Amino acid sequence: METTRQKKVSRLLQKDVAEILQTKLKKQGNYSVLLSITKVSVTLDFSIAKIYLSVFPSNMSEQLMLEISKQSGGIRHEVAQRAKKQLRKVPELLFFLDDSLDYIEKIENSLKGLDNPLRK
């Protein structure tokens, strides 16, 4: 069960990290990639934040996750600059790929009969 403070910090991190990543993508010229943050969960001691990213098209996800993981220290620093009045200490940012869209697409294809596992 998340506390109210955890929820507030999660929302703040979600907003700030999303803005930072969107500006980084625009600077790199990746206009064909859609990146969204689906969920942010913060530990009780506010030391670690798990950030789940959804990438469209999904074939770009691995490359983008590698780039984001390499830049996590810089992203954390930018978050600290933005949230210095609200957060005493910025948690360590861990990025994970949220593949729920791919999972939903597989289920839809199975239901439509395009990829029915029972017919194989």
C-alpha atoms as a PDB file:
ATOM      1  CA  MET A   1       0.000   0.000   0.000  1.00  0.00           C
ATOM      2  CA  GLU A   2       1.454   3.308  -1.062  1.00  0.00           C
ATOM      3  CA  THR A   3       1.426   6.237   1.303  1.00  0.00           C
ATOM      4  CA  THR A   4       0.152   9.629   0.227  1.00  0.00           C
ATOM      5  CA  ARG A   5       3.692  10.987   0.155  1.00  0.00           C
ATOM      6  CA  GLN A   6       4.829   8.148  -2.119  1.00  0.00           C
ATOM      7  CA  LYS A   7       1.981   8.887  -4.516  1.00  0.00           C
ATOM      8  CA  LYS A   8       2.855  12.589  -4.623  1.00  0.00           C
ATOM      9  CA  VAL A   9       6.537  11.893  -5.262  1.00  0.00           C
ATOM     10  CA  SER A  10       5.601   9.333  -7.947  1.00  0.00           C
ATOM     11  CA  ARG A  11       3.412  11.858  -9.761  1.00  0.00           C
ATOM     12  CA  LEU A  12       6.094  14.533  -9.517  1.00  0.00           C
ATOM     13  CA  LEU A  13       8.765  12.190 -10.873  1.00  0.00           C
ATOM     14  CA  GLN A  14       6.473  10.980 -13.656  1.00  0.00           C
ATOM     15  CA  LYS A  15       5.799  14.524 -14.826  1.00  0.00           C
ATOM     16  CA  ASP A  16       9.393  15.735 -14.614  1.00  0.00           C
ATOM     17  CA  VAL A  17      11.018  12.650 -16.157  1.00  0.00           C
ATOM     18  CA  ALA A  18       8.472  12.634 -18.997  1.00  0.00           C
ATOM     19  CA  GLU A  19       9.261  16.260 -19.836  1.00  0.00           C
ATOM     20  CA  ILE A  20      13.006  15.629 -19.676  1.00  0.00           C
ATOM     21  CA  LEU A  21      12.834  12.553 -21.914  1.00  0.00           C
ATOM     22  CA  GLN A  22      10.556  14.282 -24.429  1.00  0.00           C
ATOM     23  CA  THR A  23      12.971  17.202 -24.772  1.00  0.00           C
ATOM     24  CA  LYS A  24      15.932  14.809 -25.144  1.00  0.00           C
ATOM     25  CA  LEU A  25      14.110  12.937 -27.930  1.00  0.00           C
ATOM     26  CA  LYS A  26      13.330  16.194 -29.728  1.00  0.00           C
ATOM     27  CA  LYS A  27      16.960  17.335 -29.485  1.00  0.00           C
ATOM     28  CA  GLN A  28      18.128  14.025 -30.963  1.00  0.00           C
ATOM     29  CA  GLY A  29      15.633  14.333 -33.791  1.00  0.00           C
ATOM     30  CA  ASN A  30      13.639  11.182 -32.960  1.00  0.00           C
ATOM     31  CA  TYR A  31      10.252  12.521 -33.998  1.00  0.00           C
ATOM     32  CA  SER A  32       9.011   9.102 -35.097  1.00  0.00           C
ATOM     33  CA  VAL A  33       9.274   7.584 -31.585  1.00  0.00           C
ATOM     34  CA  LEU A  34       6.491   7.925 -29.040  1.00  0.00           C
ATOM     35  CA  LEU A  35       7.661   7.535 -25.444  1.00  0.00           C
ATOM     36  CA  SER A  36       5.385   7.565 -22.421  1.00  0.00           C
ATOM     37  CA  ILE A  37       5.818   6.790 -18.759  1.00  0.00           C
ATOM     38  CA  THR A  38       3.147   4.334 -17.692  1.00  0.00           C
ATOM     39  CA  LYS A  39       3.986   3.962 -14.010  1.00  0.00           C
ATOM     40  CA  VAL A  40       6.376   5.219 -11.354  1.00  0.00           C
ATOM     41  CA  SER A  41       6.721   3.440  -8.031  1.00  0.00           C
ATOM     42  CA  VAL A  42       8.857   4.731  -5.181  1.00  0.00           C
ATOM     43  CA  THR A  43      10.169   2.656  -2.272  1.00  0.00           C
ATOM     44  CA  LEU A  44       9.158   3.480   1.301  1.00  0.00           C
ATOM     45  CA  ASP A  45      12.477   5.136   2.096  1.00  0.00           C
ATOM     46  CA  PHE A  46      12.399   7.147  -1.180  1.00  0.00           C
ATOM     47  CA  SER A  47      15.802   5.812  -2.227  1.00  0.00           C
ATOM     48  CA  ILE A  48      14.731   4.039  -5.447  1.00  0.00           C
ATOM     49  CA  ALA A  49      12.168   4.946  -8.086  1.00  0.00           C
ATOM     50  CA  LYS A  50      11.154   2.346 -10.662  1.00  0.00           C
ATOM     51  CA  ILE A  51      10.033   4.012 -13.867  1.00  0.00           C
ATOM     52  CA  TYR A  52       8.156   1.964 -16.472  1.00  0.00           C
ATOM     53  CA  LEU A  53       8.399   3.234 -20.052  1.00  0.00           C
ATOM     54  CA  SER A  54       6.248   2.397 -23.036  1.00  0.00           C
ATOM     55  CA  VAL A  55       7.826   2.879 -26.466  1.00  0.00           C
ATOM     56  CA  PHE A  56       6.070   2.975 -29.817  1.00  0.00           C
ATOM     57  CA  PRO A  57       7.129   1.531 -32.248  1.00  0.00           C
ATOM     58  CA  SER A  58       8.266  -1.365 -30.112  1.00  0.00           C
ATOM     59  CA  ASN A  59      11.201  -2.275 -32.377  1.00  0.00           C
ATOM     60  CA  MET A  60      12.990   0.870 -31.123  1.00  0.00           C
ATOM     61  CA  SER A  61      12.503  -0.022 -27.455  1.00  0.00           C
ATOM     62  CA  GLU A  62      15.788  -1.839 -26.770  1.00  0.00           C
ATOM     63  CA  GLN A  63      17.943   0.841 -28.360  1.00  0.00           C
ATOM     64  CA  LEU A  64      16.069   3.609 -26.549  1.00  0.00           C
ATOM     65  CA  MET A  65      16.247   1.820 -23.192  1.00  0.00           C
ATOM     66  CA  LEU A  66      20.027   1.479 -23.541  1.00  0.00           C
ATOM     67  CA  GLU A  67      20.378   5.193 -24.231  1.00  0.00           C
ATOM     68  CA  ILE A  68      18.149   6.129 -21.308  1.00  0.00           C
ATOM     69  CA  SER A  69      19.978   3.776 -18.943  1.00  0.00           C
ATOM     70  CA  LYS A  70      23.310   5.360 -19.898  1.00  0.00           C
ATOM     71  CA  GLN A  71      21.914   8.841 -19.245  1.00  0.00           C
ATOM     72  CA  SER A  72      20.126   8.029 -15.969  1.00  0.00           C
ATOM     73  CA  GLY A  73      22.611  10.045 -13.905  1.00  0.00           C
ATOM     74  CA  GLY A  74      22.054  13.137 -16.028  1.00  0.00           C
ATOM     75  CA  ILE A  75      18.304  12.649 -15.929  1.00  0.00           C
ATOM     76  CA  ARG A  76      18.449  12.352 -12.139  1.00  0.00           C
ATOM     77  CA  HIS A  77      20.443  15.589 -11.967  1.00  0.00           C
ATOM     78  CA  GLU A  78      17.865  17.406 -14.126  1.00  0.00           C
ATOM     79  CA  VAL A  79      15.053  16.092 -11.917  1.00  0.00           C
ATOM     80  CA  ALA A  80      16.954  17.363  -8.877  1.00  0.00           C
ATOM     81  CA  GLN A  81      17.222  20.816 -10.449  1.00  0.00           C
ATOM     82  CA  ARG A  82      13.494  20.911 -11.217  1.00  0.00           C
ATOM     83  CA  ALA A  83      12.282  19.493  -7.886  1.00  0.00           C
ATOM     84  CA  LYS A  84      14.777  21.012  -5.479  1.00  0.00           C
ATOM     85  CA  LYS A  85      12.042  22.798  -3.525  1.00  0.00           C
ATOM     86  CA  GLN A  86       9.839  19.690  -3.250  1.00  0.00           C
ATOM     87  CA  LEU A  87      12.327  16.859  -2.701  1.00  0.00           C
ATOM     88  CA  ARG A  88      15.163  16.767  -0.224  1.00  0.00           C
ATOM     89  CA  LYS A  89      16.814  13.821  -1.956  1.00  0.00           C
ATOM     90  CA  VAL A  90      16.071  12.567  -5.463  1.00  0.00           C
ATOM     91  CA  PRO A  91      15.760   8.770  -5.572  1.00  0.00           C
ATOM     92  CA  GLU A  92      17.897   6.584  -7.802  1.00  0.00           C
ATOM     93  CA  LEU A  93      16.067   6.153 -11.102  1.00  0.00           C
ATOM     94  CA  LEU A  94      15.693   2.640 -12.489  1.00  0.00           C
ATOM     95  CA  PHE A  95      14.133   2.352 -15.933  1.00  0.00           C
ATOM     96  CA  PHE A  96      12.131  -0.679 -17.082  1.00  0.00           C
ATOM     97  CA  LEU A  97      10.334  -1.445 -20.307  1.00  0.00           C
ATOM     98  CA  ASP A  98       6.565  -1.740 -20.019  1.00  0.00           C
ATOM     99  CA  ASP A  99       5.569  -4.256 -22.677  1.00  0.00           C
ATOM    100  CA  SER A 100       1.880  -4.358 -21.823  1.00  0.00           C
ATOM    101  CA  LEU A 101       0.964  -2.925 -25.253  1.00  0.00           C
ATOM    102  CA  ASP A 102       2.673  -5.844 -26.986  1.00  0.00           C
ATOM    103  CA  TYR A 103       0.896  -8.253 -24.649  1.00  0.00           C
ATOM    104  CA  ILE A 104      -2.482  -6.656 -25.406  1.00  0.00           C
ATOM    105  CA  GLU A 105      -1.772  -6.831 -29.144  1.00  0.00           C
ATOM    106  CA  LYS A 106      -0.999 -10.564 -28.888  1.00  0.00           C
ATOM    107  CA  ILE A 107      -4.265 -11.159 -27.024  1.00  0.00           C
ATOM    108  CA  GLU A 108      -6.245  -9.173 -29.617  1.00  0.00           C
ATOM    109  CA  ASN A 109      -4.680 -11.139 -32.471  1.00  0.00           C
ATOM    110  CA  SER A 110      -5.519 -14.388 -30.705  1.00  0.00           C
ATOM    111  CA  LEU A 111      -9.128 -13.316 -30.186  1.00  0.00           C
ATOM    112  CA  LYS A 112      -9.499 -12.208 -33.801  1.00  0.00           C
ATOM    113  CA  GLY A 113      -8.259 -15.587 -34.939  1.00  0.00           C
ATOM    114  CA  LEU A 114      -5.126 -14.262 -36.618  1.00  0.00           C
ATOM    115  CA  ASP A 115      -2.806 -16.068 -34.257  1.00  0.00           C
ATOM    116  CA  ASN A 116      -4.961 -18.681 -32.570  1.00  0.00           C
ATOM    117  CA  PRO A 117      -2.750 -20.932 -30.412  1.00  0.00           C
ATOM    118  CA  LEU A 118      -5.408 -23.664 -30.327  1.00  0.00           C
ATOM    119  CA  ARG A 119      -5.332 -24.221 -34.087  1.00  0.00           C
ATOM    120  CA  LYS A 120      -1.616 -25.013 -34.234  1.00  0.00           C
END
